[in-house]
Amino acid sequence: MMLMTKANRKALQPLGTEAPEAVVKFFTPDGQWTWYASEFDGIDTFFGLVDGVHKELGYFSLSELQSLRGGLGLPIERDRHFKPTPLSELQQDGDQTFASW
């Protein structure tokens, strides 16, 4: 699966704009990690919410996502059905654990 499409690149705000909503969701199909991207530098670096051990706002990279594998060895996938969602809503879902960088 292609992690980034032209449409995804166009939808993401430039890095540093403090975009209020996530527009692309990546996840481990065989794990419990999710990355919600709201900003992108156009090359490799995203800013958004990472939901793993804790929920944190921060930076992550496309190259990192492409190299990661879940517990059963499956690659990271992009949720093709994800609809843009305010980061504030994503921060409150689930266990309420949230740490900001």
N, C-alpha and C. Protein backbone atom coordinates (compact mmCIF):
# COMPACT_ATOMS: atom_id res chain seq x y z
N MET A 1 0.83 -1.18 0.00
CA MET A 1 0.00 0.00 0.00
C MET A 1 0.88 1.25 0.00
N MET A 2 0.51 2.21 -0.81
CA MET A 2 1.20 3.48 -0.84
C MET A 2 0.78 4.29 0.39
N LEU A 3 1.74 4.69 1.20
CA LEU A 3 1.40 5.44 2.42
C LEU A 3 0.96 6.87 2.13
N MET A 4 1.52 7.48 1.11
CA MET A 4 1.17 8.86 0.78
C MET A 4 0.73 8.96 -0.68
N THR A 5 -0.40 9.61 -0.89
CA THR A 5 -0.88 9.87 -2.23
C THR A 5 -0.72 11.36 -2.53
N LYS A 6 -0.90 11.73 -3.77
CA LYS A 6 -0.87 13.15 -4.13
C LYS A 6 -1.97 13.90 -3.39
N ALA A 7 -3.13 13.28 -3.26
CA ALA A 7 -4.24 13.91 -2.54
C ALA A 7 -3.89 14.14 -1.06
N ASN A 8 -3.22 13.15 -0.44
CA ASN A 8 -2.79 13.31 0.95
C ASN A 8 -1.82 14.47 1.08
N ARG A 9 -0.85 14.52 0.19
CA ARG A 9 0.15 15.59 0.22
C ARG A 9 -0.51 16.97 0.09
N LYS A 10 -1.50 17.05 -0.77
CA LYS A 10 -2.20 18.31 -0.98
C LYS A 10 -3.05 18.70 0.24
N ALA A 11 -3.63 17.71 0.90
CA ALA A 11 -4.52 17.97 2.03
C ALA A 11 -3.77 18.39 3.30
N LEU A 12 -2.53 17.92 3.47
CA LEU A 12 -1.76 18.24 4.67
C LEU A 12 -1.27 19.69 4.62
N GLN A 13 -1.34 20.35 5.75
CA GLN A 13 -0.87 21.73 5.86
C GLN A 13 0.67 21.73 5.94
N PRO A 14 1.31 22.83 5.55
CA PRO A 14 2.77 22.91 5.66
C PRO A 14 3.21 22.80 7.13
N LEU A 15 4.34 22.20 7.33
CA LEU A 15 4.90 22.05 8.67
C LEU A 15 5.06 23.42 9.33
N GLY A 16 4.62 23.54 10.57
CA GLY A 16 4.75 24.78 11.33
C GLY A 16 3.53 25.67 11.30
N THR A 17 2.45 25.23 10.64
CA THR A 17 1.26 26.08 10.54
C THR A 17 0.26 25.87 11.68
N GLU A 18 0.56 24.91 12.55
CA GLU A 18 -0.32 24.59 13.68
C GLU A 18 -1.72 24.21 13.20
N ALA A 19 -1.78 23.31 12.25
CA ALA A 19 -3.05 22.83 11.70
C ALA A 19 -3.88 22.19 12.81
N PRO A 20 -5.17 22.51 12.87
CA PRO A 20 -6.00 22.00 13.96
C PRO A 20 -6.57 20.60 13.78
N GLU A 21 -6.45 20.04 12.56
CA GLU A 21 -7.04 18.72 12.38
C GLU A 21 -6.11 17.76 11.66
N ALA A 22 -6.27 16.48 12.00
CA ALA A 22 -5.54 15.40 11.33
C ALA A 22 -6.26 15.09 10.04
N VAL A 23 -5.50 14.89 8.97
CA VAL A 23 -6.12 14.57 7.70
C VAL A 23 -5.68 13.21 7.15
N VAL A 24 -4.62 12.64 7.72
CA VAL A 24 -4.16 11.32 7.30
C VAL A 24 -3.91 10.48 8.55
N LYS A 25 -4.36 9.23 8.50
CA LYS A 25 -4.19 8.30 9.63
C LYS A 25 -3.39 7.09 9.15
N PHE A 26 -2.32 6.77 9.89
CA PHE A 26 -1.52 5.58 9.66
C PHE A 26 -1.67 4.67 10.88
N PHE A 27 -1.58 3.36 10.69
CA PHE A 27 -1.75 2.45 11.83
C PHE A 27 -1.03 1.14 11.59
N THR A 28 -0.78 0.44 12.69
CA THR A 28 -0.24 -0.91 12.61
C THR A 28 -1.43 -1.86 12.61
N PRO A 29 -1.63 -2.63 11.54
CA PRO A 29 -2.79 -3.53 11.51
C PRO A 29 -2.67 -4.68 12.51
N ASP A 30 -1.46 -4.92 12.97
CA ASP A 30 -1.23 -6.01 13.94
C ASP A 30 -0.63 -5.47 15.23
N GLY A 31 -0.99 -4.26 15.57
CA GLY A 31 -0.48 -3.64 16.79
C GLY A 31 -1.44 -2.57 17.29
N GLN A 32 -0.96 -1.75 18.19
CA GLN A 32 -1.84 -0.76 18.81
C GLN A 32 -1.34 0.67 18.60
N TRP A 33 -0.53 0.90 17.59
CA TRP A 33 -0.01 2.24 17.34
C TRP A 33 -0.76 2.90 16.20
N THR A 34 -1.00 4.20 16.35
CA THR A 34 -1.66 5.00 15.31
C THR A 34 -0.98 6.35 15.24
N TRP A 35 -0.79 6.84 14.02
CA TRP A 35 -0.19 8.15 13.78
C TRP A 35 -1.20 8.97 12.99
N TYR A 36 -1.54 10.15 13.49
CA TYR A 36 -2.47 11.06 12.82
C TYR A 36 -1.67 12.28 12.35
N ALA A 37 -1.59 12.48 11.06
CA ALA A 37 -0.80 13.58 10.50
C ALA A 37 -1.68 14.79 10.21
N SER A 38 -1.21 15.95 10.63
CA SER A 38 -1.91 17.20 10.33
C SER A 38 -1.05 18.13 9.48
N GLU A 39 0.28 17.99 9.58
CA GLU A 39 1.21 18.84 8.84
C GLU A 39 2.30 17.97 8.21
N PHE A 40 2.87 18.47 7.11
CA PHE A 40 3.90 17.72 6.39
C PHE A 40 4.86 18.69 5.74
N ASP A 41 6.15 18.38 5.78
CA ASP A 41 7.14 19.27 5.16
C ASP A 41 7.29 19.04 3.66
N GLY A 42 6.53 18.10 3.12
CA GLY A 42 6.58 17.82 1.69
C GLY A 42 7.63 16.81 1.29
N ILE A 43 8.47 16.43 2.26
CA ILE A 43 9.56 15.49 1.96
C ILE A 43 9.45 14.24 2.84
N ASP A 44 9.58 14.43 4.18
CA ASP A 44 9.64 13.26 5.05
C ASP A 44 9.04 13.49 6.44
N THR A 45 8.93 14.71 6.90
CA THR A 45 8.57 14.97 8.30
C THR A 45 7.11 15.39 8.45
N PHE A 46 6.43 14.70 9.36
CA PHE A 46 5.05 15.02 9.72
C PHE A 46 5.01 15.64 11.11
N PHE A 47 3.93 16.35 11.38
CA PHE A 47 3.57 16.72 12.74
C PHE A 47 2.15 16.25 12.95
N GLY A 48 1.88 15.72 14.13
CA GLY A 48 0.53 15.26 14.43
C GLY A 48 0.49 14.54 15.76
N LEU A 49 -0.51 13.72 15.91
CA LEU A 49 -0.73 12.98 17.15
C LEU A 49 -0.27 11.54 16.97
N VAL A 50 0.52 11.07 17.91
CA VAL A 50 0.94 9.66 17.93
C VAL A 50 0.24 9.00 19.10
N ASP A 51 -0.47 7.93 18.82
CA ASP A 51 -1.20 7.20 19.85
C ASP A 51 -0.57 5.81 19.96
N GLY A 52 0.29 5.66 20.96
CA GLY A 52 0.98 4.38 21.18
C GLY A 52 0.89 4.04 22.65
N VAL A 53 2.01 4.07 23.33
CA VAL A 53 2.04 3.86 24.77
C VAL A 53 1.26 5.00 25.45
N HIS A 54 1.47 6.22 24.95
CA HIS A 54 0.76 7.42 25.39
C HIS A 54 0.34 8.18 24.14
N LYS A 55 -0.55 9.13 24.31
CA LYS A 55 -0.90 10.03 23.21
C LYS A 55 -0.02 11.26 23.32
N GLU A 56 0.68 11.56 22.22
CA GLU A 56 1.60 12.70 22.23
C GLU A 56 1.53 13.44 20.91
N LEU A 57 1.57 14.75 20.98
CA LEU A 57 1.77 15.56 19.78
C LEU A 57 3.26 15.61 19.51
N GLY A 58 3.63 15.45 18.26
CA GLY A 58 5.05 15.50 17.95
C GLY A 58 5.32 15.22 16.49
N TYR A 59 6.60 15.04 16.20
CA TYR A 59 7.06 14.82 14.84
C TYR A 59 7.32 13.35 14.60
N PHE A 60 7.05 12.90 13.39
CA PHE A 60 7.40 11.54 12.96
C PHE A 60 7.68 11.60 11.46
N SER A 61 8.32 10.57 10.94
CA SER A 61 8.75 10.65 9.55
C SER A 61 8.14 9.56 8.69
N LEU A 62 7.97 9.90 7.42
CA LEU A 62 7.46 8.95 6.44
C LEU A 62 8.42 7.77 6.30
N SER A 63 9.71 8.05 6.26
CA SER A 63 10.69 6.97 6.13
C SER A 63 10.63 6.02 7.32
N GLU A 64 10.38 6.56 8.50
CA GLU A 64 10.23 5.72 9.69
C GLU A 64 9.00 4.83 9.57
N LEU A 65 7.88 5.41 9.14
CA LEU A 65 6.66 4.63 8.98
C LEU A 65 6.84 3.52 7.95
N GLN A 66 7.55 3.83 6.88
CA GLN A 66 7.78 2.84 5.83
C GLN A 66 8.65 1.68 6.30
N SER A 67 9.49 1.92 7.30
CA SER A 67 10.39 0.86 7.77
C SER A 67 9.84 0.06 8.94
N LEU A 68 8.83 0.57 9.63
CA LEU A 68 8.29 -0.10 10.81
C LEU A 68 7.45 -1.32 10.45
N ARG A 69 7.42 -2.28 11.37
CA ARG A 69 6.58 -3.47 11.24
C ARG A 69 5.91 -3.70 12.58
N GLY A 70 4.69 -4.23 12.54
CA GLY A 70 3.97 -4.55 13.76
C GLY A 70 4.42 -5.88 14.33
N GLY A 71 3.71 -6.35 15.34
CA GLY A 71 4.07 -7.56 16.06
C GLY A 71 4.14 -8.81 15.21
N LEU A 72 3.34 -8.88 14.15
CA LEU A 72 3.35 -10.04 13.26
C LEU A 72 4.14 -9.78 11.98
N GLY A 73 4.84 -8.64 11.96
CA GLY A 73 5.66 -8.31 10.80
C GLY A 73 4.94 -7.57 9.69
N LEU A 74 3.70 -7.17 9.93
CA LEU A 74 2.95 -6.45 8.89
C LEU A 74 3.38 -4.98 8.84
N PRO A 75 3.42 -4.40 7.65
CA PRO A 75 3.82 -3.00 7.52
C PRO A 75 2.71 -2.04 7.96
N ILE A 76 3.10 -0.80 8.18
CA ILE A 76 2.16 0.26 8.51
C ILE A 76 1.23 0.48 7.32
N GLU A 77 -0.03 0.78 7.60
CA GLU A 77 -1.00 1.06 6.55
C GLU A 77 -1.60 2.45 6.74
N ARG A 78 -2.17 2.97 5.68
CA ARG A 78 -2.92 4.23 5.73
C ARG A 78 -4.40 3.88 5.73
N ASP A 79 -5.15 4.52 6.61
CA ASP A 79 -6.59 4.31 6.68
C ASP A 79 -7.23 5.08 5.52
N ARG A 80 -7.64 4.38 4.48
CA ARG A 80 -8.21 5.02 3.30
C ARG A 80 -9.59 5.62 3.55
N HIS A 81 -10.21 5.27 4.67
CA HIS A 81 -11.55 5.77 4.96
C HIS A 81 -11.57 6.84 6.04
N PHE A 82 -10.40 7.24 6.50
CA PHE A 82 -10.30 8.25 7.57
C PHE A 82 -10.79 9.61 7.06
N LYS A 83 -11.61 10.25 7.86
CA LYS A 83 -12.11 11.59 7.56
C LYS A 83 -11.37 12.59 8.45
N PRO A 84 -11.04 13.78 7.92
CA PRO A 84 -10.37 14.79 8.75
C PRO A 84 -11.08 14.97 10.09
N THR A 85 -10.27 14.97 11.15
CA THR A 85 -10.79 15.02 12.52
C THR A 85 -9.95 15.99 13.33
N PRO A 86 -10.60 16.87 14.11
CA PRO A 86 -9.82 17.78 14.96
C PRO A 86 -8.89 17.00 15.90
N LEU A 87 -7.67 17.48 16.02
CA LEU A 87 -6.72 16.84 16.94
C LEU A 87 -7.27 16.82 18.36
N SER A 88 -8.01 17.85 18.73
CA SER A 88 -8.57 17.90 20.09
C SER A 88 -9.51 16.72 20.35
N GLU A 89 -10.27 16.29 19.35
CA GLU A 89 -11.14 15.12 19.51
C GLU A 89 -10.33 13.85 19.64
N LEU A 90 -9.29 13.72 18.84
CA LEU A 90 -8.45 12.52 18.88
C LEU A 90 -7.71 12.41 20.20
N GLN A 91 -7.34 13.54 20.77
CA GLN A 91 -6.63 13.54 22.05
C GLN A 91 -7.52 13.03 23.17
N GLN A 92 -8.82 13.18 23.04
CA GLN A 92 -9.75 12.82 24.10
C GLN A 92 -10.32 11.42 23.96
N ASP A 93 -10.18 10.79 22.81
CA ASP A 93 -10.71 9.44 22.63
C ASP A 93 -9.96 8.44 23.49
N GLY A 94 -10.61 7.36 23.82
CA GLY A 94 -9.95 6.24 24.49
C GLY A 94 -9.64 6.47 25.94
N ASP A 95 -8.37 6.25 26.31
CA ASP A 95 -7.99 6.19 27.71
C ASP A 95 -7.71 7.56 28.34
N GLN A 96 -7.86 8.63 27.57
CA GLN A 96 -7.66 9.98 28.09
C GLN A 96 -6.20 10.30 28.43
N THR A 97 -5.27 9.42 28.10
CA THR A 97 -3.85 9.69 28.35
C THR A 97 -3.34 10.62 27.26
N PHE A 98 -2.77 11.74 27.63
CA PHE A 98 -2.27 12.68 26.65
C PHE A 98 -1.08 13.44 27.19
N ALA A 99 -0.02 13.48 26.41
CA ALA A 99 1.15 14.26 26.78
C ALA A 99 1.50 15.14 25.60
N SER A 100 1.78 16.39 25.81
CA SER A 100 2.12 17.31 24.74
C SER A 100 3.61 17.59 24.74
N TRP A 101 4.19 17.67 23.55
CA TRP A 101 5.62 17.98 23.43
C TRP A 101 5.83 19.43 23.55
